[in-house]
N, C-alpha and C. Protein backbone atom coordinates (compact mmCIF):
# COMPACT_ATOMS: atom_id res chain seq x y z
N MET A 1 0.95 -1.25 0.00
CA MET A 1 -0.02 0.26 0.43
C MET A 1 0.94 1.04 -0.32
N ALA A 2 2.31 1.04 0.72
CA ALA A 2 3.49 2.43 1.25
C ALA A 2 3.49 2.63 -0.53
N VAL A 3 3.66 1.43 -1.87
CA VAL A 3 4.35 2.29 -2.66
C VAL A 3 3.06 2.80 -3.56
N PHE A 4 1.62 1.82 -3.19
CA PHE A 4 0.60 2.39 -4.35
C PHE A 4 -0.13 4.18 -3.91
N ALA A 5 0.46 4.60 -2.35
CA ALA A 5 0.50 5.97 -1.45
C ALA A 5 1.77 6.84 -2.31
N VAL A 6 2.80 6.46 -2.49
CA VAL A 6 3.59 7.15 -2.80
C VAL A 6 3.86 8.04 -4.57
N LEU A 7 3.33 6.15 -4.91
CA LEU A 7 2.81 6.92 -6.31
C LEU A 7 1.83 7.80 -6.80
N LEU A 8 1.14 7.33 -6.05
CA LEU A 8 -0.40 8.86 -5.91
C LEU A 8 0.13 9.85 -5.89
N ILE A 9 1.16 10.09 -5.00
CA ILE A 9 1.71 11.87 -4.78
C ILE A 9 2.72 11.74 -5.64
N ALA A 10 3.23 11.19 -6.24
CA ALA A 10 4.21 11.62 -7.74
C ALA A 10 3.30 11.74 -8.70
N VAL A 11 1.83 10.76 -8.98
CA VAL A 11 0.87 11.65 -10.26
C VAL A 11 0.22 12.98 -9.58
N VAL A 12 -0.05 12.58 -9.05
CA VAL A 12 -0.86 14.46 -8.26
C VAL A 12 0.32 15.60 -8.75
N LEU A 13 2.08 15.33 -8.48
CA LEU A 13 3.12 15.93 -8.06
C LEU A 13 3.01 16.63 -9.29
N VAL A 14 3.50 15.38 -10.06
CA VAL A 14 3.64 16.15 -11.96
C VAL A 14 2.76 16.69 -12.61
N VAL A 15 2.01 15.82 -12.72
CA VAL A 15 0.41 16.54 -13.45
C VAL A 15 0.34 17.82 -12.48
N GLY A 16 -0.06 18.51 -11.43
CA GLY A 16 0.15 19.48 -10.99
C GLY A 16 0.93 20.14 -11.89
N LYS A 17 2.20 19.60 -11.82
CA LYS A 17 3.12 21.30 -11.77
C LYS A 17 3.54 21.11 -12.70
N ILE A 18 3.59 19.94 -13.79
CA ILE A 18 4.60 20.01 -15.09
C ILE A 18 3.46 19.53 -15.96
N GLY A 19 2.28 19.13 -15.58
CA GLY A 19 1.45 18.58 -16.66
C GLY A 19 1.13 17.38 -17.86
N TYR A 20 0.73 16.95 -17.83
CA TYR A 20 0.52 15.88 -18.78
C TYR A 20 -0.28 15.99 -20.03
N ARG A 21 0.09 15.64 -21.41
CA ARG A 21 -0.37 15.04 -22.22
C ARG A 21 -0.70 13.87 -22.40
N CYS A 22 -2.18 13.68 -23.34
CA CYS A 22 -2.41 12.10 -23.75
C CYS A 22 -1.90 12.14 -24.60
N PRO A 23 -0.82 10.96 -25.56
CA PRO A 23 -0.15 10.80 -26.53
C PRO A 23 -1.18 10.69 -27.87
N LEU A 24 -2.06 10.11 -27.62
CA LEU A 24 -2.86 9.88 -28.82
C LEU A 24 -3.86 11.30 -29.10
N ARG A 25 -3.55 12.33 -28.57
CA ARG A 25 -4.67 13.38 -28.23
C ARG A 25 -4.12 14.35 -29.24
N TRP A 26 -2.55 13.80 -28.86
CA TRP A 26 -2.09 15.37 -28.97
C TRP A 26 -0.64 14.74 -29.80
N THR A 27 -0.81 13.88 -31.05
CA THR A 27 0.20 12.62 -31.97
C THR A 27 -1.90 13.07 -33.36
N VAL A 28 -2.76 11.95 -32.79
CA VAL A 28 -3.31 11.61 -34.29
C VAL A 28 -4.92 13.34 -33.46
N GLY A 29 -5.12 13.81 -33.02
CA GLY A 29 -5.90 15.21 -32.09
C GLY A 29 -6.99 14.33 -32.63
N ILE A 30 -7.31 12.72 -32.07
CA ILE A 30 -8.19 12.37 -30.78
C ILE A 30 -7.96 12.39 -29.41
N GLU A 31 -9.52 12.20 -29.20
CA GLU A 31 -9.57 11.99 -27.72
C GLU A 31 -9.33 10.66 -27.13
N CYS A 32 -8.24 9.68 -26.59
CA CYS A 32 -8.50 8.56 -26.03
C CYS A 32 -9.94 8.21 -25.00
N PRO A 33 -10.19 6.98 -24.72
CA PRO A 33 -11.10 6.30 -23.49
C PRO A 33 -10.65 7.13 -22.12
N ALA A 34 -8.79 7.33 -22.27
CA ALA A 34 -8.89 7.44 -20.40
C ALA A 34 -9.05 8.95 -21.04
N CYS A 35 -8.74 9.93 -21.63
CA CYS A 35 -8.38 11.97 -22.01
C CYS A 35 -9.75 12.02 -20.52
N GLY A 36 -8.59 13.38 -19.61
CA GLY A 36 -9.80 13.15 -18.53
C GLY A 36 -10.12 12.75 -17.48
N ILE A 37 -9.38 11.18 -17.78
CA ILE A 37 -9.44 10.56 -15.82
C ILE A 37 -8.43 11.24 -15.40
N THR A 38 -7.74 11.87 -15.17
CA THR A 38 -6.45 12.23 -14.75
C THR A 38 -7.32 13.57 -13.24
N ARG A 39 -7.53 14.22 -15.02
CA ARG A 39 -8.52 15.36 -13.80
C ARG A 39 -9.54 14.76 -13.28
N ALA A 40 -9.96 14.17 -13.07
CA ALA A 40 -12.05 13.27 -12.85
C ALA A 40 -10.73 12.49 -11.40
N ALA A 41 -9.70 12.23 -11.34
CA ALA A 41 -9.06 11.97 -10.13
C ALA A 41 -8.71 12.69 -9.51
N LEU A 42 -8.24 13.90 -9.73
CA LEU A 42 -8.27 14.67 -9.02
C LEU A 42 -9.50 15.27 -7.97
N ALA A 43 -10.77 15.12 -8.55
CA ALA A 43 -11.45 16.19 -8.12
C ALA A 43 -12.14 14.91 -7.09
N LEU A 44 -12.09 13.32 -7.87
CA LEU A 44 -12.89 12.64 -7.20
C LEU A 44 -11.63 13.55 -5.34
N LEU A 45 -10.05 13.38 -5.21
CA LEU A 45 -9.78 13.52 -4.38
C LEU A 45 -10.38 14.94 -3.27
N ARG A 46 -10.78 15.95 -4.38
CA ARG A 46 -11.30 16.52 -4.31
C ARG A 46 -12.95 16.75 -3.86
N LEU A 47 -13.22 15.25 -3.45
CA LEU A 47 -14.68 14.97 -3.62
C LEU A 47 -15.62 15.36 -4.68
N ASP A 48 -15.21 16.48 -5.46
CA ASP A 48 -16.16 16.43 -6.69
C ASP A 48 -15.94 15.25 -7.41
N PHE A 49 -17.48 14.55 -6.99
CA PHE A 49 -17.75 13.38 -7.12
C PHE A 49 -18.97 13.87 -8.89
N ALA A 50 -19.27 15.32 -8.49
CA ALA A 50 -20.54 14.99 -10.08
C ALA A 50 -19.00 15.67 -10.98
N GLY A 51 -17.97 16.53 -10.77
CA GLY A 51 -17.61 16.86 -11.65
C GLY A 51 -16.08 15.49 -12.23
N ALA A 52 -16.07 15.03 -11.51
CA ALA A 52 -15.51 13.85 -11.94
C ALA A 52 -16.03 13.05 -13.54
N LEU A 53 -17.13 12.76 -12.59
CA LEU A 53 -18.40 12.26 -13.34
C LEU A 53 -18.53 12.90 -14.90
N ARG A 54 -19.07 13.97 -14.85
CA ARG A 54 -18.84 14.82 -16.22
C ARG A 54 -17.27 15.37 -16.90
N LEU A 55 -16.27 14.88 -16.28
CA LEU A 55 -14.51 14.61 -16.91
C LEU A 55 -14.27 14.01 -16.75
N ASN A 56 -14.42 12.59 -16.67
CA ASN A 56 -14.53 10.85 -17.21
C ASN A 56 -15.20 9.79 -16.43
N PRO A 57 -16.04 9.73 -16.72
CA PRO A 57 -16.62 8.15 -15.70
C PRO A 57 -16.56 6.83 -15.61
N LEU A 58 -15.77 7.49 -16.38
CA LEU A 58 -14.43 5.52 -16.52
C LEU A 58 -13.85 5.66 -15.30
N VAL A 59 -13.15 7.66 -14.37
CA VAL A 59 -12.73 6.96 -13.61
C VAL A 59 -13.19 6.15 -11.88
N PHE A 60 -14.59 5.62 -11.73
CA PHE A 60 -15.33 5.33 -11.45
C PHE A 60 -14.85 3.78 -11.17
N VAL A 61 -14.82 3.30 -12.54
CA VAL A 61 -14.27 2.00 -12.88
C VAL A 61 -12.78 1.95 -12.38
N VAL A 62 -12.36 2.73 -12.78
CA VAL A 62 -10.77 2.63 -12.23
C VAL A 62 -10.81 2.23 -10.52
N CYS A 63 -11.05 2.85 -10.32
CA CYS A 63 -11.60 2.94 -8.53
C CYS A 63 -11.68 1.98 -7.91
N ALA A 64 -13.01 0.95 -8.45
CA ALA A 64 -13.18 0.56 -8.35
C ALA A 64 -12.45 -1.33 -8.15
N TYR A 65 -11.60 -1.20 -9.83
CA TYR A 65 -10.96 -2.12 -9.83
C TYR A 65 -9.47 -1.68 -8.93
N ALA A 66 -9.15 -0.60 -8.76
CA ALA A 66 -8.42 -0.73 -7.87
C ALA A 66 -8.56 -1.06 -6.47
N VAL A 67 -10.13 -0.96 -5.48
CA VAL A 67 -9.98 -1.65 -4.81
C VAL A 67 -10.42 -3.06 -4.83
N TRP A 68 -10.82 -3.39 -5.99
CA TRP A 68 -10.82 -4.97 -6.35
C TRP A 68 -9.03 -5.62 -6.22
N GLY A 69 -8.27 -4.60 -7.07
CA GLY A 69 -7.11 -5.33 -6.99
C GLY A 69 -6.49 -5.22 -5.93
N GLY A 70 -6.33 -4.23 -4.86
CA GLY A 70 -5.78 -4.04 -2.96
C GLY A 70 -6.88 -5.27 -2.14
N ALA A 71 -8.25 -4.99 -2.50
CA ALA A 71 -8.45 -6.18 -1.91
C ALA A 71 -7.99 -7.63 -2.75
N ALA A 72 -7.72 -7.86 -3.33
CA ALA A 72 -6.75 -9.62 -3.83
C ALA A 72 -5.34 -8.96 -3.22
N TRP A 73 -4.50 -8.40 -3.59
CA TRP A 73 -3.82 -8.29 -2.54
C TRP A 73 -3.17 -8.41 -1.10
N LEU A 74 -3.92 -7.90 -0.40
CA LEU A 74 -5.18 -8.20 1.08
C LEU A 74 -4.72 -9.41 1.29
N LEU A 75 -5.57 -10.07 0.74
CA LEU A 75 -6.14 -11.15 0.58
C LEU A 75 -5.33 -12.24 0.04
N GLY A 76 -4.03 -11.98 -0.49
CA GLY A 76 -3.41 -12.73 -1.16
C GLY A 76 -3.99 -13.84 -2.02
N ARG A 77 -4.87 -13.09 -2.76
CA ARG A 77 -5.96 -13.26 -4.46
C ARG A 77 -4.93 -13.08 -5.10
N ALA A 78 -3.87 -13.16 -5.73
CA ALA A 78 -3.45 -12.43 -6.78
C ALA A 78 -3.82 -13.34 -8.38
N GLU A 79 -4.97 -13.94 -8.31
CA GLU A 79 -5.30 -15.01 -9.23
C GLU A 79 -5.91 -14.14 -9.91
N TRP A 80 -7.45 -13.41 -8.40
CA TRP A 80 -7.84 -11.92 -9.35
C TRP A 80 -7.60 -11.34 -10.50
N LEU A 81 -6.37 -11.11 -10.06
CA LEU A 81 -6.30 -9.77 -10.62
C LEU A 81 -5.73 -10.82 -12.56
N HIS A 82 -5.22 -11.99 -12.50
CA HIS A 82 -5.85 -12.67 -13.40
C HIS A 82 -6.24 -13.22 -14.20
N ALA A 83 -7.77 -12.68 -13.72
CA ALA A 83 -9.23 -13.11 -14.16
C ALA A 83 -9.37 -11.97 -15.58
N ARG A 84 -9.67 -13.06 -16.97
CA ARG A 84 -10.10 -12.34 -18.33
C ARG A 84 -10.42 -12.15 -18.03
N MET A 85 -11.77 -12.58 -17.33
CA MET A 85 -13.53 -11.52 -17.58
C MET A 85 -13.29 -10.34 -16.82
N ALA A 86 -12.07 -10.14 -16.20
CA ALA A 86 -12.66 -8.47 -15.40
C ALA A 86 -11.68 -7.87 -16.17
N TRP A 87 -10.76 -8.29 -16.98
CA TRP A 87 -10.33 -7.53 -17.47
C TRP A 87 -10.99 -7.24 -19.03
N ARG A 88 -10.82 -8.57 -19.76
CA ARG A 88 -12.65 -7.79 -20.63
C ARG A 88 -13.61 -6.97 -20.43
N ILE A 89 -14.39 -6.97 -19.12
CA ILE A 89 -15.18 -5.79 -18.95
C ILE A 89 -14.79 -4.52 -18.85
N PHE A 90 -13.36 -4.81 -17.81
CA PHE A 90 -12.76 -3.19 -17.97
C PHE A 90 -12.38 -2.59 -19.37
N ILE A 91 -12.04 -3.66 -19.98
CA ILE A 91 -11.77 -3.27 -21.72
C ILE A 91 -12.87 -2.89 -22.19
N CYS A 92 -13.89 -3.20 -21.94
CA CYS A 92 -14.95 -2.81 -23.47
C CYS A 92 -15.18 -1.68 -22.55
N LEU A 93 -15.47 -1.50 -21.31
CA LEU A 93 -15.99 -0.70 -20.57
C LEU A 93 -15.91 0.71 -21.76
N PHE A 94 -14.56 1.32 -21.53
CA PHE A 94 -13.60 1.35 -22.09
C PHE A 94 -13.35 1.84 -23.65
N PHE A 95 -13.40 1.21 -23.93
CA PHE A 95 -14.27 1.19 -25.28
C PHE A 95 -15.75 1.56 -26.23
N ILE A 96 -16.33 1.23 -24.64
CA ILE A 96 -18.33 1.84 -24.67
C ILE A 96 -17.99 3.53 -25.01
N TRP A 97 -17.05 3.86 -23.55
CA TRP A 97 -16.80 5.06 -23.50
C TRP A 97 -16.36 6.02 -24.33
N TRP A 98 -15.69 5.17 -25.58
CA TRP A 98 -14.73 5.90 -26.76
C TRP A 98 -15.73 5.74 -27.09
N ALA A 99 -16.57 4.93 -27.62
CA ALA A 99 -18.15 4.96 -28.76
C ALA A 99 -18.87 6.24 -27.97
N VAL A 100 -18.93 6.81 -27.36
CA VAL A 100 -20.28 6.82 -26.48
C VAL A 100 -19.71 8.73 -26.47
N LYS A 101 -18.35 8.96 -26.62
CA LYS A 101 -18.04 10.75 -27.49
C LYS A 101 -17.49 10.78 -28.35
N ILE A 102 -17.83 9.36 -28.41
CA ILE A 102 -17.66 9.76 -31.00
C ILE A 102 -19.19 9.80 -30.34
N GLY A 103 -19.83 9.78 -31.32
CA GLY A 103 -21.25 9.53 -30.33
C GLY A 103 -22.00 10.94 -29.79
N ARG A 104 -21.61 10.87 -29.51
CA ARG A 104 -21.87 12.68 -28.96
C ARG A 104 -21.07 13.83 -29.82
N PHE A 105 -20.29 13.31 -30.39
CA PHE A 105 -19.44 14.14 -31.47
C PHE A 105 -20.28 14.45 -31.95
N PHE A 106 -20.47 13.20 -33.03
CA PHE A 106 -21.37 13.71 -34.08
C PHE A 106 -22.46 14.36 -33.87
N LEU A 107 -22.97 13.75 -32.87
CA LEU A 107 -24.89 15.06 -33.03
C LEU A 107 -24.25 16.29 -32.15
N GLY A 108 -22.64 16.36 -32.29
CA GLY A 108 -23.01 17.81 -31.92
C GLY A 108 -22.66 17.93 -30.49
N ASP A 109 -23.10 16.99 -29.55
CA ASP A 109 -22.74 17.77 -27.93
C ASP A 109 -21.92 17.65 -27.48
N TYR A 110 -20.50 17.18 -28.42
CA TYR A 110 -19.56 17.00 -27.43
C TYR A 110 -18.14 16.94 -28.40
N PRO A 111 -17.44 18.97 -28.29
CA PRO A 111 -16.60 19.37 -29.42
C PRO A 111 -14.83 19.23 -29.22
N GLN A 112 -15.11 19.09 -28.33
CA GLN A 112 -13.35 19.03 -27.86
C GLN A 112 -13.13 17.55 -28.27
N LEU A 113 -13.78 16.16 -28.64
CA LEU A 113 -13.14 15.21 -29.21
C LEU A 113 -11.59 15.30 -30.04
N LEU A 114 -12.28 16.37 -30.94
CA LEU A 114 -10.39 17.09 -31.71
C LEU A 114 -9.27 17.35 -31.23
N GLU A 115 -8.64 17.67 -31.73
CA GLU A 115 -8.18 18.44 -31.00
C GLU A 115 -7.15 18.80 -31.77
N PRO A 116 -7.26 20.21 -32.77
CA PRO A 116 -7.11 20.84 -33.54
C PRO A 116 -5.09 21.25 -33.68
N GLN A 117 -4.36 21.30 -32.98
CA GLN A 117 -3.30 21.03 -32.44
C GLN A 117 -1.98 20.28 -32.23
N ALA A 118 -2.43 19.30 -32.58
CA ALA A 118 -2.89 17.61 -32.71
C ALA A 118 -1.36 17.68 -33.98
N LEU A 119 -0.43 16.82 -34.34
CA LEU A 119 0.52 16.87 -34.83
C LEU A 119 -0.15 16.24 -36.14
N LEU A 120 -0.80 15.21 -36.07
CA LEU A 120 -1.00 14.78 -37.58
C LEU A 120 -2.02 15.67 -38.55
N PRO A 121 -2.97 16.68 -37.97
CA PRO A 121 -4.00 17.61 -38.35
C PRO A 121 -3.49 18.70 -38.88
N ARG A 122 -2.08 18.83 -38.10
CA ARG A 122 -1.01 19.97 -38.44
C ARG A 122 -0.50 20.04 -39.46
N LEU A 123 0.17 18.83 -40.05
CA LEU A 123 0.84 17.89 -40.62
C LEU A 123 0.00 17.81 -41.74
N PHE A 124 -1.51 17.56 -41.82
CA PHE A 124 -1.90 17.54 -42.89
C PHE A 124 -2.61 18.69 -43.83
N GLY A 125 -2.64 19.68 -42.98
CA GLY A 125 -3.12 21.14 -42.78
C GLY A 125 -2.25 22.04 -43.69
N TRP A 126 -0.55 21.24 -43.66
CA TRP A 126 0.09 21.86 -44.23
C TRP A 126 0.41 21.29 -45.60
N ILE A 127 -0.09 19.64 -45.57
CA ILE A 127 0.32 19.10 -46.80
C ILE A 127 -0.58 19.77 -48.19
N ARG A 128 -2.00 19.97 -47.52
CA ARG A 128 -3.10 20.19 -47.77
C ARG A 128 -2.50 21.86 -48.64
N THR A 129 -2.11 22.69 -48.01
CA THR A 129 -1.64 24.05 -48.02
C THR A 129 -0.73 23.86 -49.57
N ARG A 130 0.11 23.01 -49.89
CA ARG A 130 1.70 22.94 -50.41
C ARG A 130 0.53 21.99 -51.18
N LEU A 131 -0.23 21.76 -51.77
CA LEU A 131 -0.86 20.13 -53.17
C LEU A 131 -1.37 21.90 -54.28
N PRO A 132 -0.53 21.78 -55.56
CA PRO A 132 -1.16 22.22 -56.41
C PRO A 132 -3.00 21.52 -56.67
N GLY A 133 -3.54 22.80 -56.68
CA GLY A 133 -5.06 23.07 -57.24
C GLY A 133 -5.80 23.16 -56.57
């Protein structure tokens, strides 16, 4: 548990001081399913549950999985962490959330899905300006 606490403190300090940019969002220009989860976790630390839900509802899934993993570790049941069904559910929830974000984008309800300042959109824009015609 001490390792987890140190890791949590390190993440909070790094994100708070330096900041973090999603590699997928800042290269391809599309938010990944985990975008906003760090801010949601910080909102949870401030006990802002509504804010955490708004930023990324998967933070509650991650917290539940962390509690489940902690219980497995405390009870000496490491095989729980290797349960394929739990991992499949976890991954499916991430892809479902991604589909919801993309669906909301196409309905006009989620404009922040795309990042126009990302590497690939800027590169494609530069190429488009150089093409004849």
